[in-house]
Amino acid sequence: MSLRLSIRKIALLLIIALLAGATGGIFGYIYVTGGSGEASLAVDDALATRQANDAVISDAVGTAVAQAAKEIIPAALGAALEAERARQPVQFNIVSAESRASFTLEEDLRGLRTTVIGTTSEVGGKIDVVLADPAASTIGTILINARTLETDNSFRNRALRGRILYSSQDENEFIVFEPRELSNFSVESIAEGETIRFDIGGDLTVTGTTLPVTFAAEVTLDSPTQISGSASVNVLHADFGLTIPDVPGVANVTDDVELRLDFVARATE
């Protein structure tokens, strides 16, 4: 009996020892990993550190947003301003020194078929161009000084002024075109270097007679401050009550006359 009791005691002691060792190990692990419990940083310092970190992040975000704003906002505003500017009319004035109004017809001169061209640079007018919407553009009154039209023949020039156009008389000095309608545009907008084609309907007055005519026109935007182009129409001189005097050596003058304007116009400063 005493032997059995001794074995039981020994086993119990071993179990107790093992349990004590395991418990000690657990508590030791907890003790070591639990640290000292002392604050590494005062709470005020921790708050200050957090606020500083937040400020750094905020500054970084703010810098990124500011940089994006610097790049995006001006670009957006610039695009908007450019789009709005393109919808505002730009006034161009015809430059007489660089423009020419002309008429062209055919006649027999001393038995030879001859092309007669009369020209003048005394032409003026204003054109308001809407680049983003050319159909919204307008053209003011165009004046051509008929008295200054010249051909290659001084006698013919005198006949024009005194017997055909009667431009030597003050009331007939100017040919007047009053544009009424722009139509049939080839494009919906125009950019620098591009050419647009369209029709100009209006009233043409020659030697006191006014008739509706339609010029075929084309205009090129040479630069933001200059346009150039041409406009032409064919008319019958008899429709305006014009007659060709019976002159020796001149015969078979065509009824059909081409009227043409080649122009350069610059923006108003």
Protein backbone atom coordinates (compact mmCIF):
# COMPACT_ATOMS: atom_id res chain seq x y z
CA MET A 1 0.00 0.00 0.00
CA SER A 2 2.76 2.35 0.89
CA LEU A 3 4.42 1.76 -2.44
CA ARG A 4 1.26 2.54 -4.35
CA LEU A 5 0.79 5.69 -2.34
CA SER A 6 4.29 6.80 -3.05
CA ILE A 7 3.80 6.33 -6.79
CA ARG A 8 0.58 8.34 -6.69
CA LYS A 9 2.27 11.15 -4.80
CA ILE A 10 5.14 11.22 -7.23
CA ALA A 11 2.76 11.35 -10.20
CA LEU A 12 0.74 14.12 -8.58
CA LEU A 13 3.83 16.10 -7.86
CA LEU A 14 4.97 15.70 -11.45
CA ILE A 15 1.60 16.91 -12.75
CA ILE A 16 1.70 19.86 -10.38
CA ALA A 17 5.23 20.68 -11.51
CA LEU A 18 4.27 20.48 -15.16
CA LEU A 19 1.24 22.64 -14.63
CA ALA A 20 3.26 25.12 -12.67
CA GLY A 21 5.88 25.20 -15.41
CA ALA A 22 3.31 25.68 -18.17
CA THR A 23 1.50 28.35 -16.23
CA GLY A 24 4.76 30.07 -15.51
CA GLY A 25 5.66 29.95 -19.19
CA ILE A 26 2.33 31.47 -20.20
CA PHE A 27 2.62 34.16 -17.61
CA GLY A 28 6.19 34.74 -18.63
CA TYR A 29 5.20 35.16 -22.26
CA ILE A 30 2.44 37.51 -21.28
CA TYR A 31 4.77 39.42 -19.01
CA VAL A 32 7.48 39.84 -21.64
CA THR A 33 5.21 40.72 -24.53
CA GLY A 34 3.02 42.97 -22.41
CA GLY A 35 5.79 45.52 -22.05
CA SER A 36 6.26 47.90 -19.18
CA GLY A 37 2.95 49.74 -19.52
CA GLU A 38 4.69 53.10 -19.71
CA ALA A 39 3.45 55.59 -22.33
CA SER A 40 5.92 56.04 -25.14
CA LEU A 41 4.49 59.49 -25.86
CA ALA A 42 2.46 61.92 -23.80
CA VAL A 43 -1.09 62.22 -25.02
CA ASP A 44 -0.59 65.87 -25.96
CA ASP A 45 2.50 64.94 -27.94
CA ALA A 46 0.58 62.12 -29.63
CA LEU A 47 -2.18 64.52 -30.62
CA ALA A 48 0.38 66.99 -31.95
CA THR A 49 2.07 64.25 -33.94
CA ARG A 50 -1.26 63.10 -35.39
CA GLN A 51 -2.18 66.66 -36.33
CA ALA A 52 1.21 67.15 -37.94
CA ASN A 53 0.80 63.96 -39.97
CA ASP A 54 -2.70 65.01 -41.01
CA ALA A 55 -1.30 68.38 -42.06
CA VAL A 56 1.37 66.70 -44.17
CA ILE A 57 -1.26 64.55 -45.87
CA SER A 58 -3.55 67.54 -46.28
CA ASP A 59 -0.72 69.61 -47.72
CA ALA A 60 0.15 66.83 -50.13
CA VAL A 61 -3.46 66.51 -51.21
CA GLY A 62 -3.78 70.29 -51.38
CA THR A 63 -0.63 70.56 -53.46
CA ALA A 64 -1.88 67.89 -55.83
CA VAL A 65 -5.28 69.57 -56.09
CA ALA A 66 -3.68 72.97 -56.53
CA GLN A 67 -1.39 71.63 -59.23
CA ALA A 68 -4.32 69.99 -60.97
CA ALA A 69 -6.26 73.22 -60.64
CA LYS A 70 -3.37 75.15 -62.15
CA GLU A 71 -3.39 72.81 -65.11
CA ILE A 72 -7.09 72.05 -65.51
CA ILE A 73 -8.85 75.28 -64.54
CA PRO A 74 -6.85 77.64 -66.79
CA ALA A 75 -7.15 75.17 -69.64
CA ALA A 76 -10.89 74.86 -69.11
CA LEU A 77 -11.30 78.60 -68.72
CA GLY A 78 -9.09 79.20 -71.73
CA ALA A 79 -11.12 76.79 -73.82
CA ALA A 80 -14.36 78.38 -72.64
CA LEU A 81 -13.08 81.87 -73.33
CA GLU A 82 -11.80 80.81 -76.73
CA ALA A 83 -15.15 79.22 -77.57
CA GLU A 84 -17.00 82.34 -76.44
CA ARG A 85 -14.59 84.57 -78.36
CA ALA A 86 -15.19 82.49 -81.49
CA ARG A 87 -18.91 83.23 -81.17
CA GLN A 88 -18.40 86.97 -81.00
CA PRO A 89 -18.34 88.83 -84.33
CA VAL A 90 -14.98 90.20 -85.44
CA GLN A 91 -15.22 93.27 -87.63
CA PHE A 92 -12.99 93.35 -90.69
CA ASN A 93 -12.59 96.43 -92.90
CA ILE A 94 -11.85 96.07 -96.61
CA VAL A 95 -8.40 97.45 -97.38
CA SER A 96 -8.80 99.47 -100.59
CA ALA A 97 -5.11 99.47 -101.47
CA GLU A 98 -5.09 95.65 -101.49
CA SER A 99 -8.53 95.06 -103.02
CA ARG A 100 -10.02 95.33 -106.49
CA ALA A 101 -13.49 95.57 -108.00
CA SER A 102 -13.81 94.69 -111.66
CA PHE A 103 -16.13 94.01 -114.56
CA THR A 104 -15.39 91.71 -117.51
CA LEU A 105 -17.12 91.49 -120.90
CA GLU A 106 -16.34 90.62 -124.52
CA GLU A 107 -16.42 92.85 -127.62
CA ASP A 108 -15.13 93.00 -131.15
CA LEU A 109 -12.55 95.77 -131.32
CA ARG A 110 -11.52 96.55 -134.88
CA GLY A 111 -12.53 93.09 -135.92
CA LEU A 112 -10.70 91.25 -133.10
CA ARG A 113 -12.54 89.51 -130.26
CA THR A 114 -11.35 91.28 -127.16
CA THR A 115 -11.81 90.71 -123.46
CA VAL A 116 -12.45 94.00 -121.73
CA ILE A 117 -11.64 94.31 -118.02
CA GLY A 118 -12.32 97.43 -116.02
CA THR A 119 -10.90 97.72 -112.50
CA THR A 120 -10.70 100.03 -109.51
CA SER A 121 -9.27 99.78 -106.02
CA GLU A 122 -11.76 102.35 -104.75
CA VAL A 123 -13.89 99.84 -102.87
CA GLY A 124 -14.88 99.74 -99.23
CA GLY A 125 -17.06 97.97 -96.71
CA LYS A 126 -17.18 96.12 -93.40
CA ILE A 127 -17.59 92.42 -92.70
CA ASP A 128 -18.53 91.04 -89.27
CA VAL A 129 -17.35 87.44 -89.08
CA VAL A 130 -18.48 84.90 -86.46
CA LEU A 131 -15.81 82.20 -86.69
CA ALA A 132 -17.73 79.53 -84.78
CA ASP A 133 -20.92 80.18 -86.74
CA PRO A 134 -20.26 81.84 -90.11
CA ALA A 135 -23.98 81.80 -90.91
CA ALA A 136 -24.39 84.40 -88.14
CA SER A 137 -21.91 86.73 -89.88
CA THR A 138 -23.07 89.95 -91.50
CA ILE A 139 -21.79 92.14 -94.31
CA GLY A 140 -22.30 95.88 -94.40
CA THR A 141 -22.88 98.08 -97.43
CA ILE A 142 -20.24 97.66 -100.14
CA LEU A 143 -19.35 100.76 -102.15
CA ILE A 144 -17.43 100.82 -105.44
CA ASN A 145 -16.46 104.10 -107.06
CA ALA A 146 -17.58 103.64 -110.67
CA ARG A 147 -15.96 106.89 -111.69
CA THR A 148 -12.51 105.39 -111.09
CA LEU A 149 -13.04 102.24 -113.19
CA GLU A 150 -10.34 101.98 -115.84
CA THR A 151 -9.72 99.68 -118.79
CA ASP A 152 -6.75 99.53 -121.14
CA ASN A 153 -8.29 102.19 -123.38
CA SER A 154 -8.64 105.83 -122.33
CA PHE A 155 -11.43 106.49 -124.89
CA ARG A 156 -13.41 103.55 -123.50
CA ASN A 157 -12.86 104.93 -119.98
CA ARG A 158 -14.40 108.24 -121.01
CA ALA A 159 -17.31 106.42 -122.63
CA LEU A 160 -17.90 104.52 -119.37
CA ARG A 161 -17.99 107.71 -117.31
CA GLY A 162 -19.99 109.84 -119.77
CA ARG A 163 -22.21 107.51 -121.85
CA ILE A 164 -22.56 104.10 -120.16
CA LEU A 165 -22.41 104.33 -116.36
CA TYR A 166 -22.79 108.11 -116.24
CA SER A 167 -20.47 108.00 -113.27
CA SER A 168 -19.19 111.50 -114.07
CA GLN A 169 -22.48 112.61 -112.49
CA ASP A 170 -22.32 112.70 -108.70
CA GLU A 171 -25.54 110.74 -108.22
CA ASN A 172 -24.08 107.84 -110.21
CA GLU A 173 -20.54 107.91 -108.86
CA PHE A 174 -20.94 104.82 -106.67
CA ILE A 175 -22.09 101.31 -107.37
CA VAL A 176 -23.83 100.13 -104.19
CA PHE A 177 -24.37 96.60 -102.95
CA GLU A 178 -26.58 96.05 -99.90
CA PRO A 179 -26.18 92.45 -98.65
CA ARG A 180 -29.41 90.97 -97.28
CA GLU A 181 -28.76 87.28 -96.75
CA LEU A 182 -25.85 84.84 -96.41
CA SER A 183 -26.59 81.22 -97.31
CA ASN A 184 -25.30 77.86 -98.58
CA PHE A 185 -22.21 77.72 -96.38
CA SER A 186 -19.72 74.99 -97.21
CA VAL A 187 -18.72 74.49 -93.55
CA GLU A 188 -20.27 75.22 -90.16
CA SER A 189 -17.20 76.92 -88.68
CA ILE A 190 -13.89 78.29 -89.89
CA ALA A 191 -10.37 78.07 -88.48
CA GLU A 192 -7.18 79.86 -89.41
CA GLY A 193 -5.98 78.89 -92.88
CA GLU A 194 -9.35 77.49 -93.94
CA THR A 195 -11.57 78.71 -96.78
CA ILE A 196 -15.35 78.89 -96.65
CA ARG A 197 -17.74 79.20 -99.60
CA PHE A 198 -21.21 80.70 -99.46
CA ASP A 199 -23.70 82.92 -101.31
CA ILE A 200 -24.47 86.58 -100.66
CA GLY A 201 -27.91 87.75 -101.68
CA GLY A 202 -28.67 91.44 -101.79
CA ASP A 203 -29.59 94.55 -103.76
CA LEU A 204 -27.21 95.95 -106.38
CA THR A 205 -27.62 99.54 -107.52
CA VAL A 206 -25.94 100.68 -110.75
CA THR A 207 -26.71 104.07 -112.30
CA GLY A 208 -29.86 104.49 -110.26
CA THR A 209 -31.33 101.05 -110.97
CA THR A 210 -31.58 98.51 -108.14
CA LEU A 211 -31.95 94.75 -108.72
CA PRO A 212 -31.61 91.67 -106.50
CA VAL A 213 -28.48 89.63 -107.23
CA THR A 214 -26.61 86.76 -105.59
CA PHE A 215 -22.84 86.73 -105.43
CA ALA A 216 -20.92 83.47 -105.10
CA ALA A 217 -18.25 84.13 -102.48
CA GLU A 218 -15.31 82.47 -100.83
CA VAL A 219 -13.38 83.76 -97.83
CA THR A 220 -10.14 82.55 -96.26
CA LEU A 221 -9.19 83.26 -92.66
CA ASP A 222 -5.55 84.22 -93.24
CA SER A 223 -4.95 85.03 -89.58
CA PRO A 224 -6.99 86.14 -86.55
CA THR A 225 -6.72 89.70 -87.87
CA GLN A 226 -7.06 89.23 -91.64
CA ILE A 227 -9.40 87.64 -94.15
CA SER A 228 -9.21 87.59 -97.93
CA GLY A 229 -11.51 86.38 -100.63
CA SER A 230 -13.63 87.07 -103.65
CA ALA A 231 -17.25 87.42 -104.73
CA SER A 232 -18.64 87.34 -108.27
CA VAL A 233 -21.92 87.47 -110.14
CA ASN A 234 -22.98 87.64 -113.79
CA VAL A 235 -25.58 90.23 -114.79
CA LEU A 236 -27.04 91.60 -117.98
CA HIS A 237 -26.16 95.26 -118.51
CA ALA A 238 -29.50 95.83 -120.23
CA ASP A 239 -31.28 94.86 -116.99
CA PHE A 240 -29.78 97.95 -115.39
CA GLY A 241 -30.80 100.12 -118.32
CA LEU A 242 -27.24 100.45 -119.61
CA THR A 243 -26.66 100.86 -123.32
CA ILE A 244 -23.46 100.65 -125.30
CA PRO A 245 -22.96 103.63 -127.59
CA ASP A 246 -22.53 102.98 -131.29
CA VAL A 247 -18.83 103.62 -131.79
CA PRO A 248 -16.84 102.91 -134.97
CA GLY A 249 -14.60 99.87 -134.57
CA VAL A 250 -16.61 98.42 -131.65
CA ALA A 251 -19.24 95.71 -132.22
CA ASN A 252 -20.89 92.67 -130.66
CA VAL A 253 -20.49 93.71 -127.03
CA THR A 254 -21.78 90.89 -124.83
CA ASP A 255 -24.90 91.44 -122.80
CA ASP A 256 -23.44 89.29 -120.05
CA VAL A 257 -21.07 91.07 -117.68
CA GLU A 258 -19.13 89.50 -114.82
CA LEU A 259 -18.85 91.67 -111.72
CA ARG A 260 -16.15 90.62 -109.29
CA LEU A 261 -14.65 91.76 -106.02
CA ASP A 262 -11.26 90.51 -104.81
CA PHE A 263 -10.50 91.80 -101.38
CA VAL A 264 -8.32 91.84 -98.32
CA ALA A 265 -9.90 92.92 -95.04
CA ARG A 266 -8.30 93.46 -91.64
CA ALA A 267 -9.74 93.42 -88.18
CA THR A 268 -10.57 96.68 -86.45
CA GLU A 269 -7.98 97.42 -83.77
